[in-house]
Amino acid sequence: MKRGVKKSGKSEKSYSADHVSVMLEDVRDMMMAFGEGQDVLSEKVDVLSDKVDRMQDDITDIKYTLSEKVERSEFQKLEKRMIKVERAVFVKKA
């Protein structure tokens, strides 16, 4: 009980040279459009990369500036010492 595979007509398509030429032009046009899109995308990535670099520089500057600042607790200690010094100076003057 073997089943045979029947061949029904032509299963392969053949295209004329003109048709193939038109298809190849279409593929070429699509590839060119894709390449142009890639160029635009590359330019945008470059702009974003520059912005990120500037942001990193700004963050580094901010970190440095913050590291140079006095903490609140240290400031309060210095303020108390200054009040004591001012009181001592005013007492001597009076």
C-alpha atoms as a PDB file:
ATOM      1  CA  MET A   1       0.000   0.000   0.000  1.00  0.00           C
ATOM      2  CA  LYS A   2       2.307   2.594  -1.157  1.00  0.00           C
ATOM      3  CA  ARG A   3       1.050   6.013  -1.799  1.00  0.00           C
ATOM      4  CA  GLY A   4       2.486   7.721  -4.788  1.00  0.00           C
ATOM      5  CA  VAL A   5       3.195  11.378  -4.992  1.00  0.00           C
ATOM      6  CA  LYS A   6       1.485  12.869  -7.970  1.00  0.00           C
ATOM      7  CA  LYS A   7       3.098  15.720  -9.801  1.00  0.00           C
ATOM      8  CA  SER A   8       0.533  18.270 -10.680  1.00  0.00           C
ATOM      9  CA  GLY A   9       1.799  20.471 -13.454  1.00  0.00           C
ATOM     10  CA  LYS A  10       4.664  22.873 -13.151  1.00  0.00           C
ATOM     11  CA  SER A  11       5.617  23.635  -9.529  1.00  0.00           C
ATOM     12  CA  GLU A  12       8.537  25.942 -10.321  1.00  0.00           C
ATOM     13  CA  LYS A  13       7.953  29.475 -11.507  1.00  0.00           C
ATOM     14  CA  SER A  14      10.106  31.036 -14.113  1.00  0.00           C
ATOM     15  CA  TYR A  15      10.501  34.761 -14.509  1.00  0.00           C
ATOM     16  CA  SER A  16      11.458  36.732 -17.533  1.00  0.00           C
ATOM     17  CA  ALA A  17      14.679  38.726 -17.568  1.00  0.00           C
ATOM     18  CA  ASP A  18      12.694  41.969 -17.392  1.00  0.00           C
ATOM     19  CA  HIS A  19      10.753  40.761 -14.352  1.00  0.00           C
ATOM     20  CA  VAL A  20      13.961  39.746 -12.560  1.00  0.00           C
ATOM     21  CA  SER A  21      15.506  43.102 -13.421  1.00  0.00           C
ATOM     22  CA  VAL A  22      12.509  44.935 -11.919  1.00  0.00           C
ATOM     23  CA  MET A  23      12.661  42.813  -8.753  1.00  0.00           C
ATOM     24  CA  LEU A  24      16.395  43.490  -8.375  1.00  0.00           C
ATOM     25  CA  GLU A  25      15.823  47.238  -8.787  1.00  0.00           C
ATOM     26  CA  ASP A  26      13.181  47.078  -6.070  1.00  0.00           C
ATOM     27  CA  VAL A  27      15.559  45.246  -3.736  1.00  0.00           C
ATOM     28  CA  ARG A  28      18.304  47.777  -4.506  1.00  0.00           C
ATOM     29  CA  ASP A  29      15.942  50.682  -3.760  1.00  0.00           C
ATOM     30  CA  MET A  30      14.931  49.090  -0.459  1.00  0.00           C
ATOM     31  CA  MET A  31      18.573  48.577   0.512  1.00  0.00           C
ATOM     32  CA  MET A  32      19.410  52.201  -0.326  1.00  0.00           C
ATOM     33  CA  ALA A  33      16.481  53.400   1.806  1.00  0.00           C
ATOM     34  CA  PHE A  34      17.681  51.138   4.613  1.00  0.00           C
ATOM     35  CA  GLY A  35      21.218  52.551   4.322  1.00  0.00           C
ATOM     36  CA  GLU A  36      19.925  56.133   4.431  1.00  0.00           C
ATOM     37  CA  GLY A  37      17.937  55.282   7.552  1.00  0.00           C
ATOM     38  CA  GLN A  38      21.087  53.862   9.118  1.00  0.00           C
ATOM     39  CA  ASP A  39      22.960  57.097   8.339  1.00  0.00           C
ATOM     40  CA  VAL A  40      20.274  59.185  10.056  1.00  0.00           C
ATOM     41  CA  LEU A  41      20.282  56.835  13.030  1.00  0.00           C
ATOM     42  CA  SER A  42      24.076  57.020  13.271  1.00  0.00           C
ATOM     43  CA  GLU A  43      23.944  60.839  13.335  1.00  0.00           C
ATOM     44  CA  LYS A  44      21.378  60.754  16.142  1.00  0.00           C
ATOM     45  CA  VAL A  45      23.508  58.316  18.139  1.00  0.00           C
ATOM     46  CA  ASP A  46      26.525  60.611  17.729  1.00  0.00           C
ATOM     47  CA  VAL A  47      24.519  63.589  19.036  1.00  0.00           C
ATOM     48  CA  LEU A  48      23.300  61.556  22.019  1.00  0.00           C
ATOM     49  CA  SER A  49      26.823  60.320  22.703  1.00  0.00           C
ATOM     50  CA  ASP A  50      28.093  63.905  22.830  1.00  0.00           C
ATOM     51  CA  LYS A  51      25.295  64.867  25.215  1.00  0.00           C
ATOM     52  CA  VAL A  52      26.091  61.915  27.484  1.00  0.00           C
ATOM     53  CA  ASP A  53      29.777  62.875  27.517  1.00  0.00           C
ATOM     54  CA  ARG A  54      28.894  66.441  28.529  1.00  0.00           C
ATOM     55  CA  MET A  55      26.565  65.136  31.235  1.00  0.00           C
ATOM     56  CA  GLN A  56      29.332  62.925  32.611  1.00  0.00           C
ATOM     57  CA  ASP A  57      31.667  65.928  32.752  1.00  0.00           C
ATOM     58  CA  ASP A  58      28.986  67.962  34.526  1.00  0.00           C
ATOM     59  CA  ILE A  59      28.383  65.160  37.037  1.00  0.00           C
ATOM     60  CA  THR A  60      32.123  64.940  37.734  1.00  0.00           C
ATOM     61  CA  ASP A  61      32.224  68.716  38.362  1.00  0.00           C
ATOM     62  CA  ILE A  62      29.197  68.510  40.658  1.00  0.00           C
ATOM     63  CA  LYS A  63      30.723  65.627  42.634  1.00  0.00           C
ATOM     64  CA  TYR A  64      33.950  67.573  43.075  1.00  0.00           C
ATOM     65  CA  THR A  65      32.074  70.691  44.186  1.00  0.00           C
ATOM     66  CA  LEU A  66      30.013  68.692  46.667  1.00  0.00           C
ATOM     67  CA  SER A  67      33.085  67.001  48.075  1.00  0.00           C
ATOM     68  CA  GLU A  68      34.561  70.451  48.803  1.00  0.00           C
ATOM     69  CA  LYS A  69      31.489  71.544  50.791  1.00  0.00           C
ATOM     70  CA  VAL A  70      31.212  71.241  54.569  1.00  0.00           C
ATOM     71  CA  GLU A  71      28.658  68.813  55.978  1.00  0.00           C
ATOM     72  CA  ARG A  72      25.781  70.252  58.004  1.00  0.00           C
ATOM     73  CA  SER A  73      26.980  68.693  61.274  1.00  0.00           C
ATOM     74  CA  GLU A  74      30.457  70.184  60.793  1.00  0.00           C
ATOM     75  CA  PHE A  75      28.913  73.559  59.986  1.00  0.00           C
ATOM     76  CA  GLN A  76      26.828  73.469  63.155  1.00  0.00           C
ATOM     77  CA  LYS A  77      29.941  72.721  65.241  1.00  0.00           C
ATOM     78  CA  LEU A  78      31.786  75.623  63.633  1.00  0.00           C
ATOM     79  CA  GLU A  79      28.803  77.898  64.199  1.00  0.00           C
ATOM     80  CA  LYS A  80      28.719  77.036  67.919  1.00  0.00           C
ATOM     81  CA  ARG A  81      32.461  77.715  68.219  1.00  0.00           C
ATOM     82  CA  MET A  82      32.010  81.057  66.451  1.00  0.00           C
ATOM     83  CA  ILE A  83      29.244  82.064  68.877  1.00  0.00           C
ATOM     84  CA  LYS A  84      31.545  81.244  71.810  1.00  0.00           C
ATOM     85  CA  VAL A  85      34.366  83.302  70.284  1.00  0.00           C
ATOM     86  CA  GLU A  86      32.036  86.252  69.617  1.00  0.00           C
ATOM     87  CA  ARG A  87      30.753  86.136  73.202  1.00  0.00           C
ATOM     88  CA  ALA A  88      34.308  86.093  74.531  1.00  0.00           C
ATOM     89  CA  VAL A  89      35.249  89.089  72.383  1.00  0.00           C
ATOM     90  CA  PHE A  90      32.172  91.079  73.422  1.00  0.00           C
ATOM     91  CA  VAL A  91      32.775  90.306  77.120  1.00  0.00           C
ATOM     92  CA  LYS A  92      36.344  91.625  76.879  1.00  0.00           C
ATOM     93  CA  LYS A  93      35.155  94.835  75.179  1.00  0.00           C
ATOM     94  CA  ALA A  94      32.517  95.548  77.811  1.00  0.00           C
END
